[in-house]
């Protein structure tokens, strides 16, 4: 849609004295394709961001699993030492 301002007194908007906004259906030509290209670029960046987030989340879970394995091994080693002492 294309916005056309006219200088009539009727249909004024607050803060815009003596102007009326008329909406007309008109092809926007190259502007429409630029907007589509821009939205495609934005969507590509969003997809890239989400993929990176997914990768980071998977890596985070692997690190948590590793820490839990190390904790379990440390507790087991400590229990074995206590069993030898007592």
PDB file of N, CA and C in Angstrom:
ATOM      1  N   UNK A   1       0.835  -1.183   0.000  1.00  0.00           N
ATOM      2  CA  UNK A   1       0.000   0.000   0.000  1.00  0.00           C
ATOM      3  C   UNK A   1       0.874   1.239   0.000  1.00  0.00           C
ATOM      4  N   UNK A   2       0.354   2.265  -0.549  1.00  0.00           N
ATOM      5  CA  UNK A   2       1.093   3.504  -0.661  1.00  0.00           C
ATOM      6  C   UNK A   2       0.295   4.585   0.042  1.00  0.00           C
ATOM      7  N   UNK A   3       0.965   5.412   0.822  1.00  0.00           N
ATOM      8  CA  UNK A   3       0.299   6.478   1.562  1.00  0.00           C
ATOM      9  C   UNK A   3       0.399   7.781   0.761  1.00  0.00           C
ATOM     10  N   UNK A   4      -0.733   8.432   0.606  1.00  0.00           N
ATOM     11  CA  UNK A   4      -0.767   9.709  -0.108  1.00  0.00           C
ATOM     12  C   UNK A   4      -1.339  10.750   0.847  1.00  0.00           C
ATOM     13  N   UNK A   5      -0.623  11.846   1.037  1.00  0.00           N
ATOM     14  CA  UNK A   5      -1.116  12.921   1.893  1.00  0.00           C
ATOM     15  C   UNK A   5      -1.807  13.959   1.030  1.00  0.00           C
ATOM     16  N   UNK A   6      -2.972  14.390   1.473  1.00  0.00           N
ATOM     17  CA  UNK A   6      -3.655  15.464   0.743  1.00  0.00           C
ATOM     18  C   UNK A   6      -3.851  16.641   1.695  1.00  0.00           C
ATOM     19  N   UNK A   7      -4.010  17.813   1.149  1.00  0.00           N
ATOM     20  CA  UNK A   7      -4.101  19.033   1.950  1.00  0.00           C
ATOM     21  C   UNK A   7      -5.535  19.476   2.176  1.00  0.00           C
ATOM     22  N   UNK A   8      -6.418  18.580   2.474  1.00  0.00           N
ATOM     23  CA  UNK A   8      -7.802  18.968   2.718  1.00  0.00           C
ATOM     24  C   UNK A   8      -8.023  19.184   4.204  1.00  0.00           C
ATOM     25  N   UNK A   9      -9.026  19.941   4.540  1.00  0.00           N
ATOM     26  CA  UNK A   9      -9.317  20.251   5.936  1.00  0.00           C
ATOM     27  C   UNK A   9     -10.065  19.105   6.605  1.00  0.00           C
ATOM     28  N   UNK A  10     -10.806  18.319   5.841  1.00  0.00           N
ATOM     29  CA  UNK A  10     -11.565  17.234   6.447  1.00  0.00           C
ATOM     30  C   UNK A  10     -10.665  16.030   6.694  1.00  0.00           C
ATOM     31  N   UNK A  11     -10.994  15.257   7.700  1.00  0.00           N
ATOM     32  CA  UNK A  11     -10.252  14.049   7.994  1.00  0.00           C
ATOM     33  C   UNK A  11      -8.866  14.307   8.530  1.00  0.00           C
ATOM     34  N   UNK A  12      -8.700  15.350   9.319  1.00  0.00           N
ATOM     35  CA  UNK A  12      -7.370  15.678   9.838  1.00  0.00           C
ATOM     36  C   UNK A  12      -7.000  14.732  10.973  1.00  0.00           C
ATOM     37  N   UNK A  13      -5.720  14.553  11.161  1.00  0.00           N
ATOM     38  CA  UNK A  13      -5.186  13.741  12.238  1.00  0.00           C
ATOM     39  C   UNK A  13      -4.632  14.654  13.324  1.00  0.00           C
ATOM     40  N   UNK A  14      -4.685  14.235  14.587  1.00  0.00           N
ATOM     41  CA  UNK A  14      -4.094  15.058  15.650  1.00  0.00           C
ATOM     42  C   UNK A  14      -2.612  15.257  15.384  1.00  0.00           C
ATOM     43  N   UNK A  15      -2.150  16.449  15.493  1.00  0.00           N
ATOM     44  CA  UNK A  15      -0.757  16.769  15.244  1.00  0.00           C
ATOM     45  C   UNK A  15      -0.422  16.987  13.782  1.00  0.00           C
ATOM     46  N   UNK A  16      -1.364  16.713  12.901  1.00  0.00           N
ATOM     47  CA  UNK A  16      -1.163  16.913  11.476  1.00  0.00           C
ATOM     48  C   UNK A  16      -2.319  17.748  10.935  1.00  0.00           C
ATOM     49  N   UNK A  17      -2.297  19.034  11.201  1.00  0.00           N
ATOM     50  CA  UNK A  17      -3.429  19.870  10.775  1.00  0.00           C
ATOM     51  C   UNK A  17      -3.535  19.937   9.257  1.00  0.00           C
ATOM     52  N   UNK A  18      -4.771  19.961   8.791  1.00  0.00           N
ATOM     53  CA  UNK A  18      -5.111  20.159   7.393  1.00  0.00           C
ATOM     54  C   UNK A  18      -4.493  19.105   6.472  1.00  0.00           C
ATOM     55  N   UNK A  19      -4.336  17.900   6.988  1.00  0.00           N
ATOM     56  CA  UNK A  19      -3.827  16.824   6.141  1.00  0.00           C
ATOM     57  C   UNK A  19      -4.671  15.584   6.368  1.00  0.00           C
ATOM     58  N   UNK A  20      -4.857  14.850   5.351  1.00  0.00           N
ATOM     59  CA  UNK A  20      -5.602  13.601   5.445  1.00  0.00           C
ATOM     60  C   UNK A  20      -4.779  12.508   4.766  1.00  0.00           C
ATOM     61  N   UNK A  21      -4.787  11.378   5.389  1.00  0.00           N
ATOM     62  CA  UNK A  21      -4.027  10.264   4.824  1.00  0.00           C
ATOM     63  C   UNK A  21      -4.969   9.440   3.959  1.00  0.00           C
ATOM     64  N   UNK A  22      -4.579   9.235   2.739  1.00  0.00           N
ATOM     65  CA  UNK A  22      -5.329   8.403   1.803  1.00  0.00           C
ATOM     66  C   UNK A  22      -4.470   7.185   1.477  1.00  0.00           C
ATOM     67  N   UNK A  23      -5.064   6.025   1.606  1.00  0.00           N
ATOM     68  CA  UNK A  23      -4.347   4.810   1.275  1.00  0.00           C
ATOM     69  C   UNK A  23      -4.797   4.332  -0.095  1.00  0.00           C
ATOM     70  N   UNK A  24      -3.847   4.039  -0.919  1.00  0.00           N
ATOM     71  CA  UNK A  24      -4.153   3.562  -2.264  1.00  0.00           C
ATOM     72  C   UNK A  24      -3.365   2.287  -2.517  1.00  0.00           C
ATOM     73  N   UNK A  25      -3.985   1.369  -3.194  1.00  0.00           N
ATOM     74  CA  UNK A  25      -3.273   0.169  -3.590  1.00  0.00           C
ATOM     75  C   UNK A  25      -2.469   0.484  -4.831  1.00  0.00           C
ATOM     76  N   UNK A  26      -1.184   0.380  -4.692  1.00  0.00           N
ATOM     77  CA  UNK A  26      -0.314   0.676  -5.824  1.00  0.00           C
ATOM     78  C   UNK A  26       0.894  -0.238  -5.741  1.00  0.00           C
ATOM     79  N   UNK A  27       1.348  -0.748  -6.860  1.00  0.00           N
ATOM     80  CA  UNK A  27       2.550  -1.590  -6.816  1.00  0.00           C
ATOM     81  C   UNK A  27       3.743  -0.748  -6.385  1.00  0.00           C
ATOM     82  N   UNK A  28       4.544  -1.317  -5.530  1.00  0.00           N
ATOM     83  CA  UNK A  28       5.682  -0.561  -5.019  1.00  0.00           C
ATOM     84  C   UNK A  28       6.961  -0.842  -5.786  1.00  0.00           C
ATOM     85  N   UNK A  29       6.925  -1.760  -6.706  1.00  0.00           N
ATOM     86  CA  UNK A  29       8.068  -2.010  -7.586  1.00  0.00           C
ATOM     87  C   UNK A  29       9.291  -2.534  -6.858  1.00  0.00           C
ATOM     88  N   UNK A  30      10.449  -1.923  -7.095  1.00  0.00           N
ATOM     89  CA  UNK A  30      11.706  -2.422  -6.533  1.00  0.00           C
ATOM     90  C   UNK A  30      11.708  -2.399  -5.003  1.00  0.00           C
ATOM     91  N   UNK A  31      10.955  -1.508  -4.426  1.00  0.00           N
ATOM     92  CA  UNK A  31      10.935  -1.412  -2.973  1.00  0.00           C
ATOM     93  C   UNK A  31      10.411  -2.712  -2.363  1.00  0.00           C
ATOM     94  N   UNK A  32       9.435  -3.299  -3.019  1.00  0.00           N
ATOM     95  CA  UNK A  32       8.864  -4.545  -2.531  1.00  0.00           C
ATOM     96  C   UNK A  32       9.916  -5.653  -2.546  1.00  0.00           C
ATOM     97  N   UNK A  33      10.689  -5.724  -3.606  1.00  0.00           N
ATOM     98  CA  UNK A  33      11.714  -6.761  -3.693  1.00  0.00           C
ATOM     99  C   UNK A  33      12.831  -6.504  -2.687  1.00  0.00           C
ATOM    100  N   UNK A  34      13.163  -5.230  -2.446  1.00  0.00           N
ATOM    101  CA  UNK A  34      14.176  -4.926  -1.431  1.00  0.00           C
ATOM    102  C   UNK A  34      13.706  -5.370  -0.065  1.00  0.00           C
ATOM    103  N   UNK A  35      12.427  -5.132   0.243  1.00  0.00           N
ATOM    104  CA  UNK A  35      11.886  -5.550   1.528  1.00  0.00           C
ATOM    105  C   UNK A  35      11.918  -7.066   1.648  1.00  0.00           C
ATOM    106  N   UNK A  36      11.593  -7.747   0.571  1.00  0.00           N
ATOM    107  CA  UNK A  36      11.609  -9.214   0.595  1.00  0.00           C
ATOM    108  C   UNK A  36      13.033  -9.712   0.805  1.00  0.00           C
ATOM    109  N   UNK A  37      14.005  -9.105   0.111  1.00  0.00           N
ATOM    110  CA  UNK A  37      15.409  -9.491   0.280  1.00  0.00           C
ATOM    111  C   UNK A  37      15.867  -9.226   1.704  1.00  0.00           C
ATOM    112  N   UNK A  38      15.458  -8.093   2.262  1.00  0.00           N
ATOM    113  CA  UNK A  38      15.828  -7.752   3.621  1.00  0.00           C
ATOM    114  C   UNK A  38      15.235  -8.767   4.596  1.00  0.00           C
ATOM    115  N   UNK A  39      13.974  -9.118   4.401  1.00  0.00           N
ATOM    116  CA  UNK A  39      13.358 -10.088   5.303  1.00  0.00           C
ATOM    117  C   UNK A  39      14.000 -11.464   5.132  1.00  0.00           C
ATOM    118  N   UNK A  40      14.416 -11.813   3.913  1.00  0.00           N
ATOM    119  CA  UNK A  40      15.119 -13.081   3.705  1.00  0.00           C
ATOM    120  C   UNK A  40      16.451 -13.090   4.439  1.00  0.00           C
ATOM    121  N   UNK A  41      17.158 -11.957   4.393  1.00  0.00           N
ATOM    122  CA  UNK A  41      18.428 -11.869   5.120  1.00  0.00           C
ATOM    123  C   UNK A  41      18.215 -11.982   6.614  1.00  0.00           C
ATOM    124  N   UNK A  42      17.174 -11.328   7.115  1.00  0.00           N
ATOM    125  CA  UNK A  42      16.869 -11.392   8.543  1.00  0.00           C
ATOM    126  C   UNK A  42      16.529 -12.823   8.937  1.00  0.00           C
ATOM    127  N   UNK A  43      15.709 -13.494   8.131  1.00  0.00           N
ATOM    128  CA  UNK A  43      15.359 -14.883   8.430  1.00  0.00           C
ATOM    129  C   UNK A  43      16.583 -15.789   8.394  1.00  0.00           C
ATOM    130  N   UNK A  44      17.498 -15.543   7.469  1.00  0.00           N
ATOM    131  CA  UNK A  44      18.726 -16.334   7.398  1.00  0.00           C
ATOM    132  C   UNK A  44      19.564 -16.124   8.658  1.00  0.00           C
ATOM    133  N   UNK A  45      19.644 -14.883   9.131  1.00  0.00           N
ATOM    134  CA  UNK A  45      20.396 -14.602  10.362  1.00  0.00           C
ATOM    135  C   UNK A  45      19.741 -15.260  11.561  1.00  0.00           C
ATOM    136  N   UNK A  46      18.425 -15.255  11.591  1.00  0.00           N
ATOM    137  CA  UNK A  46      17.704 -15.901  12.696  1.00  0.00           C
ATOM    138  C   UNK A  46      17.969 -17.401  12.677  1.00  0.00           C
ATOM    139  N   UNK A  47      17.902 -18.006  11.496  1.00  0.00           N
ATOM    140  CA  UNK A  47      18.179 -19.444  11.386  1.00  0.00           C
ATOM    141  C   UNK A  47      19.603 -19.765  11.833  1.00  0.00           C
ATOM    142  N   UNK A  48      20.551 -18.930  11.423  1.00  0.00           N
ATOM    143  CA  UNK A  48      21.951 -19.136  11.815  1.00  0.00           C
ATOM    144  C   UNK A  48      22.089 -19.016  13.334  1.00  0.00           C
ATOM    145  N   UNK A  49      21.463 -18.017  13.917  1.00  0.00           N
ATOM    146  CA  UNK A  49      21.513 -17.821  15.366  1.00  0.00           C
ATOM    147  C   UNK A  49      20.923 -19.023  16.098  1.00  0.00           C
ATOM    148  N   UNK A  50      19.763 -19.498  15.633  1.00  0.00           N
ATOM    149  CA  UNK A  50      19.123 -20.635  16.284  1.00  0.00           C
ATOM    150  C   UNK A  50      19.972 -21.902  16.164  1.00  0.00           C
ATOM    151  N   UNK A  51      20.621 -22.079  15.031  1.00  0.00           N
ATOM    152  CA  UNK A  51      21.503 -23.240  14.859  1.00  0.00           C
ATOM    153  C   UNK A  51      22.685 -23.151  15.822  1.00  0.00           C
ATOM    154  N   UNK A  52      23.261 -21.953  15.960  1.00  0.00           N
ATOM    155  CA  UNK A  52      24.375 -21.771  16.893  1.00  0.00           C
ATOM    156  C   UNK A  52      23.923 -22.013  18.327  1.00  0.00           C
ATOM    157  N   UNK A  53      22.722 -21.536  18.662  1.00  0.00           N
ATOM    158  CA  UNK A  53      22.193 -21.747  20.012  1.00  0.00           C
ATOM    159  C   UNK A  53      22.007 -23.234  20.277  1.00  0.00           C
ATOM    160  N   UNK A  54      21.505 -23.966  19.298  1.00  0.00           N
ATOM    161  CA  UNK A  54      21.305 -25.399  19.452  1.00  0.00           C
ATOM    162  C   UNK A  54      22.639 -26.109  19.670  1.00  0.00           C
ATOM    163  N   UNK A  55      23.651 -25.714  18.902  1.00  0.00           N
ATOM    164  CA  UNK A  55      24.988 -26.292  19.051  1.00  0.00           C
ATOM    165  C   UNK A  55      25.558 -25.994  20.431  1.00  0.00           C
ATOM    166  N   UNK A  56      25.426 -24.747  20.868  1.00  0.00           N
ATOM    167  CA  UNK A  56      25.934 -24.372  22.190  1.00  0.00           C
ATOM    168  C   UNK A  56      25.207 -25.127  23.303  1.00  0.00           C
ATOM    169  N   UNK A  57      23.912 -25.300  23.154  1.00  0.00           N
ATOM    170  CA  UNK A  57      23.131 -26.023  24.154  1.00  0.00           C
ATOM    171  C   UNK A  57      23.577 -27.487  24.220  1.00  0.00           C
ATOM    172  N   UNK A  58      23.818 -28.109  23.076  1.00  0.00           N
ATOM    173  CA  UNK A  58      24.300 -29.494  23.046  1.00  0.00           C
ATOM    174  C   UNK A  58      25.673 -29.592  23.704  1.00  0.00           C
ATOM    175  N   UNK A  59      26.548 -28.647  23.407  1.00  0.00           N
ATOM    176  CA  UNK A  59      27.886 -28.625  24.017  1.00  0.00           C
ATOM    177  C   UNK A  59      27.779 -28.441  25.531  1.00  0.00           C
ATOM    178  N   UNK A  60      26.882 -27.590  25.948  1.00  0.00           N
ATOM    179  CA  UNK A  60      26.662 -27.346  27.380  1.00  0.00           C
ATOM    180  C   UNK A  60      26.221 -28.634  28.076  1.00  0.00           C
ATOM    181  N   UNK A  61      25.315 -29.371  27.453  1.00  0.00           N
ATOM    182  CA  UNK A  61      24.846 -30.624  28.041  1.00  0.00           C
ATOM    183  C   UNK A  61      25.975 -31.649  28.133  1.00  0.00           C
ATOM    184  N   UNK A  62      26.834 -31.690  27.110  1.00  0.00           N
ATOM    185  CA  UNK A  62      27.985 -32.602  27.144  1.00  0.00           C
ATOM    186  C   UNK A  62      28.926 -32.226  28.290  1.00  0.00           C
ATOM    187  N   UNK A  63      29.159 -30.937  28.492  1.00  0.00           N
ATOM    188  CA  UNK A  63      30.018 -30.499  29.593  1.00  0.00           C
ATOM    189  C   UNK A  63      29.414 -30.875  30.949  1.00  0.00           C
ATOM    190  N   UNK A  64      28.117 -30.714  31.083  1.00  0.00           N
ATOM    191  CA  UNK A  64      27.445 -31.078  32.337  1.00  0.00           C
ATOM    192  C   UNK A  64      27.583 -32.576  32.582  1.00  0.00           C
ATOM    193  N   UNK A  65      27.392 -33.398  31.548  1.00  0.00           N
ATOM    194  CA  UNK A  65      27.546 -34.846  31.688  1.00  0.00           C
ATOM    195  C   UNK A  65      28.961 -35.209  32.129  1.00  0.00           C
ATOM    196  N   UNK A  66      29.953 -34.542  31.528  1.00  0.00           N
ATOM    197  CA  UNK A  66      31.350 -34.801  31.886  1.00  0.00           C
ATOM    198  C   UNK A  66      31.619 -34.444  33.345  1.00  0.00           C
ATOM    199  N   UNK A  67      31.119 -33.325  33.796  1.00  0.00           N
ATOM    200  CA  UNK A  67      31.306 -32.918  35.196  1.00  0.00           C
ATOM    201  C   UNK A  67      30.647 -33.931  36.127  1.00  0.00           C
ATOM    202  N   UNK A  68      29.461 -34.402  35.774  1.00  0.00           N
ATOM    203  CA  UNK A  68      28.785 -35.401  36.612  1.00  0.00           C
ATOM    204  C   UNK A  68      29.556 -36.718  36.635  1.00  0.00           C
ATOM    205  N   UNK A  69      30.157 -37.124  35.503  1.00  0.00           N
ATOM    206  CA  UNK A  69      30.993 -38.333  35.467  1.00  0.00           C
ATOM    207  C   UNK A  69      32.207 -38.171  36.380  1.00  0.00           C
ATOM    208  N   UNK A  70      32.846 -37.001  36.314  1.00  0.00           N
ATOM    209  CA  UNK A  70      34.017 -36.740  37.157  1.00  0.00           C
ATOM    210  C   UNK A  70      33.631 -36.737  38.632  1.00  0.00           C
ATOM    211  N   UNK A  71      32.478 -36.153  38.935  1.00  0.00           N
ATOM    212  CA  UNK A  71      32.002 -36.115  40.320  1.00  0.00           C
ATOM    213  C   UNK A  71      31.746 -37.526  40.838  1.00  0.00           C
ATOM    214  N   UNK A  72      31.119 -38.350  40.012  1.00  0.00           N
ATOM    215  CA  UNK A  72      30.834 -39.725  40.392  1.00  0.00           C
ATOM    216  C   UNK A  72      32.129 -40.501  40.638  1.00  0.00           C
ATOM    217  N   UNK A  73      33.124 -40.299  39.752  1.00  0.00           N
ATOM    218  CA  UNK A  73      34.415 -40.976  39.911  1.00  0.00           C
ATOM    219  C   UNK A  73      35.118 -40.508  41.185  1.00  0.00           C
ATOM    220  N   UNK A  74      35.044 -39.218  41.487  1.00  0.00           N
ATOM    221  CA  UNK A  74      35.690 -38.688  42.697  1.00  0.00           C
ATOM    222  C   UNK A  74      35.021 -39.246  43.952  1.00  0.00           C
ATOM    223  N   UNK A  75      33.709 -39.332  43.953  1.00  0.00           N
ATOM    224  CA  UNK A  75      32.987 -39.884  45.115  1.00  0.00           C
ATOM    225  C   UNK A  75      33.332 -41.362  45.290  1.00  0.00           C
ATOM    226  N   UNK A  76      33.407 -42.091  44.178  1.00  0.00           N
ATOM    227  CA  UNK A  76      33.753 -43.505  44.248  1.00  0.00           C
ATOM    228  C   UNK A  76      35.156 -43.689  44.816  1.00  0.00           C
ATOM    229  N   UNK A  77      36.115 -42.894  44.339  1.00  0.00           N
ATOM    230  CA  UNK A  77      37.492 -42.975  44.836  1.00  0.00           C
ATOM    231  C   UNK A  77      37.541 -42.626  46.323  1.00  0.00           C
ATOM    232  N   UNK A  78      36.799 -41.634  46.754  1.00  0.00           N
ATOM    233  CA  UNK A  78      36.764 -41.238  48.158  1.00  0.00           C
ATOM    234  C   UNK A  78      36.166 -42.356  49.010  1.00  0.00           C
ATOM    235  N   UNK A  79      35.099 -42.970  48.532  1.00  0.00           N
ATOM    236  CA  UNK A  79      34.470 -44.079  49.263  1.00  0.00           C
ATOM    237  C   UNK A  79      35.421 -45.267  49.397  1.00  0.00           C
ATOM    238  N   UNK A  80      36.199 -45.556  48.338  1.00  0.00           N
ATOM    239  CA  UNK A  80      37.169 -46.646  48.397  1.00  0.00           C
ATOM    240  C   UNK A  80      38.256 -46.352  49.439  1.00  0.00           C
ATOM    241  N   UNK A  81      38.707 -45.113  49.496  1.00  0.00           N
ATOM    242  CA  UNK A  81      39.722 -44.742  50.502  1.00  0.00           C
ATOM    243  C   UNK A  81      39.159 -44.881  51.905  1.00  0.00           C
ATOM    244  N   UNK A  82      37.919 -44.460  52.102  1.00  0.00           N
ATOM    245  CA  UNK A  82      37.276 -44.597  53.416  1.00  0.00           C
ATOM    246  C   UNK A  82      37.120 -46.075  53.800  1.00  0.00           C
ATOM    247  N   UNK A  83      36.792 -46.902  52.808  1.00  0.00           N
ATOM    248  CA  UNK A  83      36.621 -48.344  53.084  1.00  0.00           C
ATOM    249  C   UNK A  83      37.956 -48.962  53.510  1.00  0.00           C
ATOM    250  N   UNK A  84      39.065 -48.522  52.907  1.00  0.00           N
ATOM    251  CA  UNK A  84      40.382 -49.047  53.262  1.00  0.00           C
ATOM    252  C   UNK A  84      40.748 -48.628  54.683  1.00  0.00           C
ATOM    253  N   UNK A  85      40.378 -47.410  55.069  1.00  0.00           N
ATOM    254  CA  UNK A  85      40.707 -46.905  56.391  1.00  0.00           C
ATOM    255  C   UNK A  85      39.817 -47.531  57.489  1.00  0.00           C
ATOM    256  N   UNK A  86      38.631 -47.837  57.158  1.00  0.00           N
ATOM    257  CA  UNK A  86      37.734 -48.160  58.234  1.00  0.00           C
ATOM    258  C   UNK A  86      37.140 -49.467  58.302  1.00  0.00           C
TER     259      UNK A  86
END
